Amino acid sequence: MDYKKSKAPVNTVTRNIMELCDETGNIYESVAIISKRANQISSEIKQDLSKKLAEFASYNDSLEEVFENREQIEISRYYEKLPKPTLLATEEFVEGNIYYRDPSKDASTATPAE
């Protein structure tokens, strides 16, 4: 998913709990799915940000000199303005863009091999 082009809100949105549990039948299962996806999105964003900021890294051992790079500041501000990973994951879940499965349910419905 391209989180940069997401239509997820930047601010917190009040959601109807009953709509969130429609697909799974259990609100706790829905929240667990959303939280796992939010962790994935968070790690993707962190890796992307670290990769971009590494280009501007200064390998100077001097603690007295601190350089402020304008591009680095702009990149950091851009990532601060992105929606939070939980909002992105919730939007994906509501739109039905998250694939999930329950291994315990899959095992119980599986037919034994003959």
PDB file of N, CA and C in Angstrom:
ATOM      1  N   MET A   1       0.835  -1.186   0.000  1.00  0.00           N
ATOM      2  CA  MET A   1       0.000   0.000   0.000  1.00  0.00           C
ATOM      3  C   MET A   1       0.875   1.243   0.000  1.00  0.00           C
ATOM      4  N   ASP A   2       0.467   2.211  -0.746  1.00  0.00           N
ATOM      5  CA  ASP A   2       1.196   3.469  -0.774  1.00  0.00           C
ATOM      6  C   ASP A   2       0.571   4.397   0.262  1.00  0.00           C
ATOM      7  N   TYR A   3       1.158   4.439   1.435  1.00  0.00           N
ATOM      8  CA  TYR A   3       0.602   5.222   2.525  1.00  0.00           C
ATOM      9  C   TYR A   3       0.668   6.712   2.268  1.00  0.00           C
ATOM     10  N   LYS A   4       1.503   7.126   1.336  1.00  0.00           N
ATOM     11  CA  LYS A   4       1.624   8.543   1.017  1.00  0.00           C
ATOM     12  C   LYS A   4       0.396   9.059   0.274  1.00  0.00           C
ATOM     13  N   LYS A   5      -0.272   8.166  -0.463  1.00  0.00           N
ATOM     14  CA  LYS A   5      -1.436   8.565  -1.249  1.00  0.00           C
ATOM     15  C   LYS A   5      -2.748   8.095  -0.615  1.00  0.00           C
ATOM     16  N   SER A   6      -2.693   7.698   0.624  1.00  0.00           N
ATOM     17  CA  SER A   6      -3.875   7.189   1.307  1.00  0.00           C
ATOM     18  C   SER A   6      -4.874   8.304   1.584  1.00  0.00           C
ATOM     19  N   LYS A   7      -6.128   7.942   1.606  1.00  0.00           N
ATOM     20  CA  LYS A   7      -7.185   8.903   1.909  1.00  0.00           C
ATOM     21  C   LYS A   7      -7.591   8.834   3.375  1.00  0.00           C
ATOM     22  N   ALA A   8      -6.745   8.243   4.194  1.00  0.00           N
ATOM     23  CA  ALA A   8      -7.032   8.133   5.619  1.00  0.00           C
ATOM     24  C   ALA A   8      -6.993   9.524   6.254  1.00  0.00           C
ATOM     25  N   PRO A   9      -7.868   9.759   7.232  1.00  0.00           N
ATOM     26  CA  PRO A   9      -7.878  11.070   7.885  1.00  0.00           C
ATOM     27  C   PRO A   9      -6.631  11.265   8.738  1.00  0.00           C
ATOM     28  N   VAL A  10      -6.227  12.509   8.882  1.00  0.00           N
ATOM     29  CA  VAL A  10      -5.054  12.831   9.696  1.00  0.00           C
ATOM     30  C   VAL A  10      -5.430  12.884  11.172  1.00  0.00           C
ATOM     31  N   ASN A  11      -6.663  13.275  11.441  1.00  0.00           N
ATOM     32  CA  ASN A  11      -7.148  13.354  12.818  1.00  0.00           C
ATOM     33  C   ASN A  11      -7.948  12.113  13.174  1.00  0.00           C
ATOM     34  N   THR A  12      -8.180  11.936  14.456  1.00  0.00           N
ATOM     35  CA  THR A  12      -8.951  10.798  14.939  1.00  0.00           C
ATOM     36  C   THR A  12     -10.400  10.918  14.492  1.00  0.00           C
ATOM     37  N   VAL A  13     -10.968   9.784  14.081  1.00  0.00           N
ATOM     38  CA  VAL A  13     -12.348   9.735  13.620  1.00  0.00           C
ATOM     39  C   VAL A  13     -13.119   8.767  14.501  1.00  0.00           C
ATOM     40  N   THR A  14     -14.312   9.175  14.921  1.00  0.00           N
ATOM     41  CA  THR A  14     -15.161   8.294  15.696  1.00  0.00           C
ATOM     42  C   THR A  14     -15.787   7.279  14.752  1.00  0.00           C
ATOM     43  N   ARG A  15     -15.667   6.012  15.098  1.00  0.00           N
ATOM     44  CA  ARG A  15     -16.193   4.949  14.241  1.00  0.00           C
ATOM     45  C   ARG A  15     -17.247   4.153  14.994  1.00  0.00           C
ATOM     46  N   ASN A  16     -18.176   3.593  14.238  1.00  0.00           N
ATOM     47  CA  ASN A  16     -19.200   2.735  14.804  1.00  0.00           C
ATOM     48  C   ASN A  16     -18.586   1.352  15.030  1.00  0.00           C
ATOM     49  N   ILE A  17     -18.591   0.904  16.263  1.00  0.00           N
ATOM     50  CA  ILE A  17     -17.980  -0.377  16.610  1.00  0.00           C
ATOM     51  C   ILE A  17     -18.670  -1.526  15.893  1.00  0.00           C
ATOM     52  N   MET A  18     -19.958  -1.429  15.731  1.00  0.00           N
ATOM     53  CA  MET A  18     -20.707  -2.509  15.100  1.00  0.00           C
ATOM     54  C   MET A  18     -20.296  -2.674  13.622  1.00  0.00           C
ATOM     55  N   GLU A  19     -19.937  -1.586  12.977  1.00  0.00           N
ATOM     56  CA  GLU A  19     -19.476  -1.681  11.587  1.00  0.00           C
ATOM     57  C   GLU A  19     -18.093  -2.324  11.509  1.00  0.00           C
ATOM     58  N   LEU A  20     -17.262  -2.089  12.516  1.00  0.00           N
ATOM     59  CA  LEU A  20     -15.933  -2.685  12.520  1.00  0.00           C
ATOM     60  C   LEU A  20     -15.986  -4.199  12.728  1.00  0.00           C
ATOM     61  N   CYS A  21     -16.970  -4.669  13.480  1.00  0.00           N
ATOM     62  CA  CYS A  21     -17.030  -6.101  13.751  1.00  0.00           C
ATOM     63  C   CYS A  21     -17.951  -6.846  12.788  1.00  0.00           C
ATOM     64  N   ASP A  22     -18.496  -6.167  11.777  1.00  0.00           N
ATOM     65  CA  ASP A  22     -19.367  -6.835  10.801  1.00  0.00           C
ATOM     66  C   ASP A  22     -18.632  -7.949  10.067  1.00  0.00           C
ATOM     67  N   GLU A  23     -17.426  -7.682   9.640  1.00  0.00           N
ATOM     68  CA  GLU A  23     -16.702  -8.632   8.803  1.00  0.00           C
ATOM     69  C   GLU A  23     -16.212  -9.852   9.581  1.00  0.00           C
ATOM     70  N   THR A  24     -15.752  -9.630  10.802  1.00  0.00           N
ATOM     71  CA  THR A  24     -15.196 -10.733  11.591  1.00  0.00           C
ATOM     72  C   THR A  24     -16.202 -11.324  12.564  1.00  0.00           C
ATOM     73  N   GLY A  25     -17.181 -10.545  12.968  1.00  0.00           N
ATOM     74  CA  GLY A  25     -18.146 -11.017  13.957  1.00  0.00           C
ATOM     75  C   GLY A  25     -17.676 -10.814  15.383  1.00  0.00           C
ATOM     76  N   ASN A  26     -16.497 -10.258  15.565  1.00  0.00           N
ATOM     77  CA  ASN A  26     -15.942 -10.076  16.895  1.00  0.00           C
ATOM     78  C   ASN A  26     -15.099  -8.801  16.892  1.00  0.00           C
ATOM     79  N   ILE A  27     -15.420  -7.862  17.760  1.00  0.00           N
ATOM     80  CA  ILE A  27     -14.709  -6.582  17.792  1.00  0.00           C
ATOM     81  C   ILE A  27     -13.244  -6.767  18.180  1.00  0.00           C
ATOM     82  N   TYR A  28     -12.964  -7.727  19.064  1.00  0.00           N
ATOM     83  CA  TYR A  28     -11.590  -7.946  19.511  1.00  0.00           C
ATOM     84  C   TYR A  28     -10.727  -8.516  18.379  1.00  0.00           C
ATOM     85  N   GLU A  29     -11.319  -9.363  17.572  1.00  0.00           N
ATOM     86  CA  GLU A  29     -10.608  -9.910  16.423  1.00  0.00           C
ATOM     87  C   GLU A  29     -10.324  -8.797  15.408  1.00  0.00           C
ATOM     88  N   SER A  30     -11.295  -7.922  15.200  1.00  0.00           N
ATOM     89  CA  SER A  30     -11.102  -6.800  14.276  1.00  0.00           C
ATOM     90  C   SER A  30      -9.989  -5.880  14.759  1.00  0.00           C
ATOM     91  N   VAL A  31      -9.977  -5.585  16.055  1.00  0.00           N
ATOM     92  CA  VAL A  31      -8.946  -4.714  16.617  1.00  0.00           C
ATOM     93  C   VAL A  31      -7.572  -5.375  16.519  1.00  0.00           C
ATOM     94  N   ALA A  32      -7.515  -6.689  16.724  1.00  0.00           N
ATOM     95  CA  ALA A  32      -6.235  -7.402  16.611  1.00  0.00           C
ATOM     96  C   ALA A  32      -5.712  -7.342  15.178  1.00  0.00           C
ATOM     97  N   ILE A  33      -6.591  -7.497  14.211  1.00  0.00           N
ATOM     98  CA  ILE A  33      -6.194  -7.429  12.802  1.00  0.00           C
ATOM     99  C   ILE A  33      -5.674  -6.037  12.468  1.00  0.00           C
ATOM    100  N   ILE A  34      -6.411  -5.016  12.923  1.00  0.00           N
ATOM    101  CA  ILE A  34      -6.009  -3.631  12.662  1.00  0.00           C
ATOM    102  C   ILE A  34      -4.668  -3.319  13.324  1.00  0.00           C
ATOM    103  N   SER A  35      -4.465  -3.803  14.552  1.00  0.00           N
ATOM    104  CA  SER A  35      -3.215  -3.503  15.257  1.00  0.00           C
ATOM    105  C   SER A  35      -2.020  -4.180  14.601  1.00  0.00           C
ATOM    106  N   LYS A  36      -2.206  -5.401  14.119  1.00  0.00           N
ATOM    107  CA  LYS A  36      -1.095  -6.079  13.442  1.00  0.00           C
ATOM    108  C   LYS A  36      -0.730  -5.358  12.145  1.00  0.00           C
ATOM    109  N   ARG A  37      -1.747  -4.914  11.416  1.00  0.00           N
ATOM    110  CA  ARG A  37      -1.483  -4.169  10.183  1.00  0.00           C
ATOM    111  C   ARG A  37      -0.830  -2.822  10.494  1.00  0.00           C
ATOM    112  N   ALA A  38      -1.246  -2.172  11.584  1.00  0.00           N
ATOM    113  CA  ALA A  38      -0.645  -0.893  11.978  1.00  0.00           C
ATOM    114  C   ALA A  38       0.834  -1.073  12.307  1.00  0.00           C
ATOM    115  N   ASN A  39       1.189  -2.191  12.934  1.00  0.00           N
ATOM    116  CA  ASN A  39       2.599  -2.462  13.223  1.00  0.00           C
ATOM    117  C   ASN A  39       3.390  -2.642  11.934  1.00  0.00           C
ATOM    118  N   GLN A  40       2.798  -3.319  10.938  1.00  0.00           N
ATOM    119  CA  GLN A  40       3.469  -3.483   9.655  1.00  0.00           C
ATOM    120  C   GLN A  40       3.685  -2.138   8.970  1.00  0.00           C
ATOM    121  N   ILE A  41       2.651  -1.314   8.973  1.00  0.00           N
ATOM    122  CA  ILE A  41       2.752   0.012   8.339  1.00  0.00           C
ATOM    123  C   ILE A  41       3.794   0.861   9.056  1.00  0.00           C
ATOM    124  N   SER A  42       3.796   0.806  10.370  1.00  0.00           N
ATOM    125  CA  SER A  42       4.747   1.585  11.155  1.00  0.00           C
ATOM    126  C   SER A  42       6.188   1.202  10.824  1.00  0.00           C
ATOM    127  N   SER A  43       6.446  -0.088  10.704  1.00  0.00           N
ATOM    128  CA  SER A  43       7.812  -0.505  10.378  1.00  0.00           C
ATOM    129  C   SER A  43       8.191  -0.107   8.956  1.00  0.00           C
ATOM    130  N   GLU A  44       7.229  -0.144   8.010  1.00  0.00           N
ATOM    131  CA  GLU A  44       7.499   0.303   6.644  1.00  0.00           C
ATOM    132  C   GLU A  44       7.865   1.786   6.617  1.00  0.00           C
ATOM    133  N   ILE A  45       7.095   2.590   7.333  1.00  0.00           N
ATOM    134  CA  ILE A  45       7.351   4.031   7.383  1.00  0.00           C
ATOM    135  C   ILE A  45       8.706   4.309   8.023  1.00  0.00           C
ATOM    136  N   LYS A  46       9.013   3.592   9.100  1.00  0.00           N
ATOM    137  CA  LYS A  46      10.281   3.802   9.793  1.00  0.00           C
ATOM    138  C   LYS A  46      11.469   3.444   8.897  1.00  0.00           C
ATOM    139  N   GLN A  47      11.362   2.336   8.168  1.00  0.00           N
ATOM    140  CA  GLN A  47      12.441   1.946   7.262  1.00  0.00           C
ATOM    141  C   GLN A  47      12.615   2.978   6.144  1.00  0.00           C
ATOM    142  N   ASP A  48      11.495   3.441   5.613  1.00  0.00           N
ATOM    143  CA  ASP A  48      11.544   4.433   4.540  1.00  0.00           C
ATOM    144  C   ASP A  48      12.179   5.732   5.024  1.00  0.00           C
ATOM    145  N   LEU A  49      11.765   6.190   6.189  1.00  0.00           N
ATOM    146  CA  LEU A  49      12.320   7.417   6.753  1.00  0.00           C
ATOM    147  C   LEU A  49      13.805   7.259   7.060  1.00  0.00           C
ATOM    148  N   SER A  50      14.189   6.153   7.632  1.00  0.00           N
ATOM    149  CA  SER A  50      15.604   5.922   7.952  1.00  0.00           C
ATOM    150  C   SER A  50      16.463   5.896   6.695  1.00  0.00           C
ATOM    151  N   LYS A  51      15.919   5.297   5.643  1.00  0.00           N
ATOM    152  CA  LYS A  51      16.653   5.227   4.374  1.00  0.00           C
ATOM    153  C   LYS A  51      16.865   6.624   3.799  1.00  0.00           C
ATOM    154  N   LYS A  52      15.828   7.452   3.863  1.00  0.00           N
ATOM    155  CA  LYS A  52      15.953   8.810   3.317  1.00  0.00           C
ATOM    156  C   LYS A  52      16.858   9.684   4.165  1.00  0.00           C
ATOM    157  N   LEU A  53      16.796   9.529   5.481  1.00  0.00           N
ATOM    158  CA  LEU A  53      17.637  10.345   6.356  1.00  0.00           C
ATOM    159  C   LEU A  53      19.095   9.885   6.346  1.00  0.00           C
ATOM    160  N   ALA A  54      19.336   8.626   5.998  1.00  0.00           N
ATOM    161  CA  ALA A  54      20.704   8.121   5.944  1.00  0.00           C
ATOM    162  C   ALA A  54      21.513   8.822   4.855  1.00  0.00           C
ATOM    163  N   GLU A  55      20.845   9.325   3.841  1.00  0.00           N
ATOM    164  CA  GLU A  55      21.536  10.046   2.774  1.00  0.00           C
ATOM    165  C   GLU A  55      22.188  11.322   3.296  1.00  0.00           C
ATOM    166  N   PHE A  56      21.618  11.878   4.359  1.00  0.00           N
ATOM    167  CA  PHE A  56      22.124  13.136   4.902  1.00  0.00           C
ATOM    168  C   PHE A  56      22.975  12.942   6.151  1.00  0.00           C
ATOM    169  N   ALA A  57      23.247  11.702   6.492  1.00  0.00           N
ATOM    170  CA  ALA A  57      23.983  11.421   7.726  1.00  0.00           C
ATOM    171  C   ALA A  57      25.398  11.960   7.646  1.00  0.00           C
ATOM    172  N   SER A  58      25.810  12.551   8.731  1.00  0.00           N
ATOM    173  CA  SER A  58      27.165  13.077   8.840  1.00  0.00           C
ATOM    174  C   SER A  58      27.934  12.169   9.780  1.00  0.00           C
ATOM    175  N   TYR A  59      29.052  11.664   9.326  1.00  0.00           N
ATOM    176  CA  TYR A  59      29.844  10.743  10.134  1.00  0.00           C
ATOM    177  C   TYR A  59      30.988  11.484  10.810  1.00  0.00           C
ATOM    178  N   ASN A  60      30.669  12.620  11.369  1.00  0.00           N
ATOM    179  CA  ASN A  60      31.647  13.444  12.054  1.00  0.00           C
ATOM    180  C   ASN A  60      31.558  13.135  13.536  1.00  0.00           C
ATOM    181  N   ASP A  61      32.686  12.893  14.191  1.00  0.00           N
ATOM    182  CA  ASP A  61      32.700  12.539  15.605  1.00  0.00           C
ATOM    183  C   ASP A  61      32.656  13.758  16.522  1.00  0.00           C
ATOM    184  N   SER A  62      32.665  14.925  15.978  1.00  0.00           N
ATOM    185  CA  SER A  62      32.659  16.134  16.784  1.00  0.00           C
ATOM    186  C   SER A  62      31.267  16.395  17.338  1.00  0.00           C
ATOM    187  N   LEU A  63      31.156  16.473  18.646  1.00  0.00           N
ATOM    188  CA  LEU A  63      29.874  16.736  19.281  1.00  0.00           C
ATOM    189  C   LEU A  63      29.544  18.220  19.302  1.00  0.00           C
ATOM    190  N   GLU A  64      30.535  19.048  19.078  1.00  0.00           N
ATOM    191  CA  GLU A  64      30.313  20.483  19.135  1.00  0.00           C
ATOM    192  C   GLU A  64      29.625  21.014  17.884  1.00  0.00           C
ATOM    193  N   GLU A  65      29.862  20.373  16.765  1.00  0.00           N
ATOM    194  CA  GLU A  65      29.297  20.848  15.507  1.00  0.00           C
ATOM    195  C   GLU A  65      28.015  20.089  15.189  1.00  0.00           C
ATOM    196  N   VAL A  66      26.934  20.825  15.085  1.00  0.00           N
ATOM    197  CA  VAL A  66      25.662  20.229  14.694  1.00  0.00           C
ATOM    198  C   VAL A  66      25.197  20.967  13.444  1.00  0.00           C
ATOM    199  N   PHE A  67      25.028  20.214  12.382  1.00  0.00           N
ATOM    200  CA  PHE A  67      24.613  20.812  11.129  1.00  0.00           C
ATOM    201  C   PHE A  67      23.123  20.575  10.926  1.00  0.00           C
ATOM    202  N   GLU A  68      22.423  21.614  10.568  1.00  0.00           N
ATOM    203  CA  GLU A  68      21.007  21.489  10.257  1.00  0.00           C
ATOM    204  C   GLU A  68      20.865  21.530   8.746  1.00  0.00           C
ATOM    205  N   ASN A  69      20.390  20.446   8.221  1.00  0.00           N
ATOM    206  CA  ASN A  69      20.213  20.331   6.789  1.00  0.00           C
ATOM    207  C   ASN A  69      18.748  20.596   6.460  1.00  0.00           C
ATOM    208  N   ARG A  70      18.503  21.529   5.569  1.00  0.00           N
ATOM    209  CA  ARG A  70      17.140  21.932   5.229  1.00  0.00           C
ATOM    210  C   ARG A  70      16.339  20.779   4.630  1.00  0.00           C
ATOM    211  N   GLU A  71      16.957  19.989   3.760  1.00  0.00           N
ATOM    212  CA  GLU A  71      16.254  18.859   3.158  1.00  0.00           C
ATOM    213  C   GLU A  71      15.860  17.829   4.200  1.00  0.00           C
ATOM    214  N   GLN A  72      16.747  17.604   5.146  1.00  0.00           N
ATOM    215  CA  GLN A  72      16.480  16.646   6.216  1.00  0.00           C
ATOM    216  C   GLN A  72      15.305  17.112   7.075  1.00  0.00           C
ATOM    217  N   ILE A  73      15.236  18.387   7.345  1.00  0.00           N
ATOM    218  CA  ILE A  73      14.142  18.944   8.134  1.00  0.00           C
ATOM    219  C   ILE A  73      12.828  18.826   7.372  1.00  0.00           C
ATOM    220  N   GLU A  74      12.862  19.087   6.082  1.00  0.00           N
ATOM    221  CA  GLU A  74      11.644  18.984   5.262  1.00  0.00           C
ATOM    222  C   GLU A  74      11.130  17.542   5.198  1.00  0.00           C
ATOM    223  N   ILE A  75      12.040  16.594   5.075  1.00  0.00           N
ATOM    224  CA  ILE A  75      11.642  15.181   5.049  1.00  0.00           C
ATOM    225  C   ILE A  75      10.997  14.794   6.381  1.00  0.00           C
ATOM    226  N   SER A  76      11.596  15.223   7.470  1.00  0.00           N
ATOM    227  CA  SER A  76      11.050  14.910   8.793  1.00  0.00           C
ATOM    228  C   SER A  76       9.668  15.527   8.972  1.00  0.00           C
ATOM    229  N   ARG A  77       9.490  16.750   8.535  1.00  0.00           N
ATOM    230  CA  ARG A  77       8.178  17.400   8.647  1.00  0.00           C
ATOM    231  C   ARG A  77       7.128  16.685   7.806  1.00  0.00           C
ATOM    232  N   TYR A  78       7.516  16.234   6.631  1.00  0.00           N
ATOM    233  CA  TYR A  78       6.585  15.516   5.760  1.00  0.00           C
ATOM    234  C   TYR A  78       6.089  14.242   6.448  1.00  0.00           C
ATOM    235  N   TYR A  79       7.004  13.496   7.055  1.00  0.00           N
ATOM    236  CA  TYR A  79       6.611  12.253   7.718  1.00  0.00           C
ATOM    237  C   TYR A  79       5.801  12.506   8.986  1.00  0.00           C
ATOM    238  N   GLU A  80       6.026  13.636   9.628  1.00  0.00           N
ATOM    239  CA  GLU A  80       5.232  13.979  10.804  1.00  0.00           C
ATOM    240  C   GLU A  80       3.788  14.294  10.433  1.00  0.00           C
ATOM    241  N   LYS A  81       3.572  14.799   9.227  1.00  0.00           N
ATOM    242  CA  LYS A  81       2.229  15.180   8.794  1.00  0.00           C
ATOM    243  C   LYS A  81       1.422  14.001   8.246  1.00  0.00           C
ATOM    244  N   LEU A  82       2.062  12.867   7.998  1.00  0.00           N
ATOM    245  CA  LEU A  82       1.342  11.697   7.504  1.00  0.00           C
ATOM    246  C   LEU A  82       0.361  11.183   8.558  1.00  0.00           C
ATOM    247  N   PRO A  83      -0.721  10.534   8.127  1.00  0.00           N
ATOM    248  CA  PRO A  83      -1.630   9.930   9.110  1.00  0.00           C
ATOM    249  C   PRO A  83      -0.906   8.855   9.918  1.00  0.00           C
ATOM    250  N   LYS A  84      -1.347   8.652  11.139  1.00  0.00           N
ATOM    251  CA  LYS A  84      -0.749   7.647  12.004  1.00  0.00           C
ATOM    252  C   LYS A  84      -1.025   6.254  11.444  1.00  0.00           C
ATOM    253  N   PRO A  85      -0.142   5.297  11.725  1.00  0.00           N
ATOM    254  CA  PRO A  85      -0.332   3.933  11.216  1.00  0.00           C
ATOM    255  C   PRO A  85      -1.666   3.302  11.629  1.00  0.00           C
ATOM    256  N   THR A  86      -2.159   3.617  12.815  1.00  0.00           N
ATOM    257  CA  THR A  86      -3.446   3.045  13.232  1.00  0.00           C
ATOM    258  C   THR A  86      -4.590   3.572  12.375  1.00  0.00           C
ATOM    259  N   LEU A  87      -4.517   4.837  11.997  1.00  0.00           N
ATOM    260  CA  LEU A  87      -5.557   5.399  11.138  1.00  0.00           C
ATOM    261  C   LEU A  87      -5.479   4.806   9.732  1.00  0.00           C
ATOM    262  N   LEU A  88      -4.268   4.597   9.243  1.00  0.00           N
ATOM    263  CA  LEU A  88      -4.100   3.981   7.931  1.00  0.00           C
ATOM    264  C   LEU A  88      -4.623   2.543   7.940  1.00  0.00           C
ATOM    265  N   ALA A  89      -4.297   1.786   8.986  1.00  0.00           N
ATOM    266  CA  ALA A  89      -4.734   0.397   9.079  1.00  0.00           C
ATOM    267  C   ALA A  89      -6.245   0.304   9.229  1.00  0.00           C
ATOM    268  N   THR A  90      -6.840   1.194  10.006  1.00  0.00           N
ATOM    269  CA  THR A  90      -8.291   1.187  10.175  1.00  0.00           C
ATOM    270  C   THR A  90      -8.981   1.500   8.858  1.00  0.00           C
ATOM    271  N   GLU A  91      -8.447   2.442   8.116  1.00  0.00           N
ATOM    272  CA  GLU A  91      -9.024   2.793   6.812  1.00  0.00           C
ATOM    273  C   GLU A  91      -8.938   1.606   5.856  1.00  0.00           C
ATOM    274  N   GLU A  92      -7.806   0.917   5.855  1.00  0.00           N
ATOM    275  CA  GLU A  92      -7.656  -0.270   5.012  1.00  0.00           C
ATOM    276  C   GLU A  92      -8.668  -1.343   5.398  1.00  0.00           C
ATOM    277  N   PHE A  93      -8.860  -1.539   6.701  1.00  0.00           N
ATOM    278  CA  PHE A  93      -9.791  -2.568   7.179  1.00  0.00           C
ATOM    279  C   PHE A  93     -11.227  -2.237   6.777  1.00  0.00           C
ATOM    280  N   VAL A  94     -11.603  -0.974   6.930  1.00  0.00           N
ATOM    281  CA  VAL A  94     -12.966  -0.555   6.585  1.00  0.00           C
ATOM    282  C   VAL A  94     -13.206  -0.717   5.084  1.00  0.00           C
ATOM    283  N   GLU A  95     -12.205  -0.419   4.270  1.00  0.00           N
ATOM    284  CA  GLU A  95     -12.336  -0.540   2.823  1.00  0.00           C
ATOM    285  C   GLU A  95     -12.237  -1.983   2.346  1.00  0.00           C
ATOM    286  N   GLY A  96     -11.818  -2.892   3.226  1.00  0.00           N
ATOM    287  CA  GLY A  96     -11.690  -4.301   2.859  1.00  0.00           C
ATOM    288  C   GLY A  96     -10.412  -4.622   2.124  1.00  0.00           C
ATOM    289  N   ASN A  97      -9.362  -3.865   2.349  1.00  0.00           N
ATOM    290  CA  ASN A  97      -8.091  -4.061   1.654  1.00  0.00           C
ATOM    291  C   ASN A  97      -7.086  -4.899   2.435  1.00  0.00           C
ATOM    292  N   ILE A  98      -7.490  -5.432   3.580  1.00  0.00           N
ATOM    293  CA  ILE A  98      -6.585  -6.240   4.391  1.00  0.00           C
ATOM    294  C   ILE A  98      -6.970  -7.706   4.237  1.00  0.00           C
ATOM    295  N   TYR A  99      -5.981  -8.528   3.896  1.00  0.00           N
ATOM    296  CA  TYR A  99      -6.203  -9.970   3.850  1.00  0.00           C
ATOM    297  C   TYR A  99      -5.815 -10.541   5.203  1.00  0.00           C
ATOM    298  N   TYR A 100      -6.685 -11.325   5.786  1.00  0.00           N
ATOM    299  CA  TYR A 100      -6.384 -11.977   7.055  1.00  0.00           C
ATOM    300  C   TYR A 100      -7.036 -13.354   7.056  1.00  0.00           C
ATOM    301  N   ARG A 101      -6.516 -14.206   7.910  1.00  0.00           N
ATOM    302  CA  ARG A 101      -7.101 -15.529   8.058  1.00  0.00           C
ATOM    303  C   ARG A 101      -6.891 -15.985   9.487  1.00  0.00           C
ATOM    304  N   ASP A 102      -7.723 -16.912   9.913  1.00  0.00           N
ATOM    305  CA  ASP A 102      -7.628 -17.473  11.253  1.00  0.00           C
ATOM    306  C   ASP A 102      -7.224 -18.932  11.114  1.00  0.00           C
ATOM    307  N   PRO A 103      -5.988 -19.280  11.461  1.00  0.00           N
ATOM    308  CA  PRO A 103      -5.525 -20.653  11.286  1.00  0.00           C
ATOM    309  C   PRO A 103      -6.353 -21.675  12.071  1.00  0.00           C
ATOM    310  N   SER A 104      -6.884 -21.291  13.218  1.00  0.00           N
ATOM    311  CA  SER A 104      -7.676 -22.243  14.001  1.00  0.00           C
ATOM    312  C   SER A 104      -8.990 -22.572  13.286  1.00  0.00           C
ATOM    313  N   LYS A 105      -9.580 -21.602  12.631  1.00  0.00           N
ATOM    314  CA  LYS A 105     -10.807 -21.857  11.874  1.00  0.00           C
ATOM    315  C   LYS A 105     -10.505 -22.629  10.601  1.00  0.00           C
ATOM    316  N   ASP A 106      -9.360 -22.348   9.976  1.00  0.00           N
ATOM    317  CA  ASP A 106      -8.984 -23.061   8.760  1.00  0.00           C
ATOM    318  C   ASP A 106      -8.732 -24.536   9.040  1.00  0.00           C
ATOM    319  N   ALA A 107      -8.122 -24.846  10.169  1.00  0.00           N
ATOM    320  CA  ALA A 107      -7.803 -26.234  10.516  1.00  0.00           C
ATOM    321  C   ALA A 107      -9.067 -27.029  10.830  1.00  0.00           C
ATOM    322  N   SER A 108     -10.044 -26.379  11.447  1.00  0.00           N
ATOM    323  CA  SER A 108     -11.271 -27.085  11.816  1.00  0.00           C
ATOM    324  C   SER A 108     -12.163 -27.363  10.609  1.00  0.00           C
ATOM    325  N   THR A 109     -12.069 -26.556   9.567  1.00  0.00           N
ATOM    326  CA  THR A 109     -12.912 -26.755   8.383  1.00  0.00           C
ATOM    327  C   THR A 109     -12.216 -27.574   7.314  1.00  0.00           C
ATOM    328  N   ALA A 110     -10.943 -27.866   7.502  1.00  0.00           N
ATOM    329  CA  ALA A 110     -10.192 -28.626   6.508  1.00  0.00           C
ATOM    330  C   ALA A 110     -10.630 -30.085   6.551  1.00  0.00           C
ATOM    331  N   THR A 111     -10.699 -30.677   5.385  1.00  0.00           N
ATOM    332  CA  THR A 111     -11.066 -32.089   5.312  1.00  0.00           C
ATOM    333  C   THR A 111      -9.794 -32.933   5.336  1.00  0.00           C
ATOM    334  N   PRO A 112      -9.838 -34.061   6.010  1.00  0.00           N
ATOM    335  CA  PRO A 112      -8.635 -34.903   6.066  1.00  0.00           C
ATOM    336  C   PRO A 112      -8.330 -35.501   4.688  1.00  0.00           C
ATOM    337  N   ALA A 113      -7.066 -35.651   4.434  1.00  0.00           N
ATOM    338  CA  ALA A 113      -6.626 -36.210   3.150  1.00  0.00           C
ATOM    339  C   ALA A 113      -6.868 -37.714   3.157  1.00  0.00           C
ATOM    340  N   GLU A 114      -7.321 -38.229   2.044  1.00  0.00           N
ATOM    341  CA  GLU A 114      -7.593 -39.675   1.971  1.00  0.00           C
ATOM    342  C   GLU A 114      -6.500 -40.386   1.237  1.00  0.00           C
TER     343      GLU A 114
END
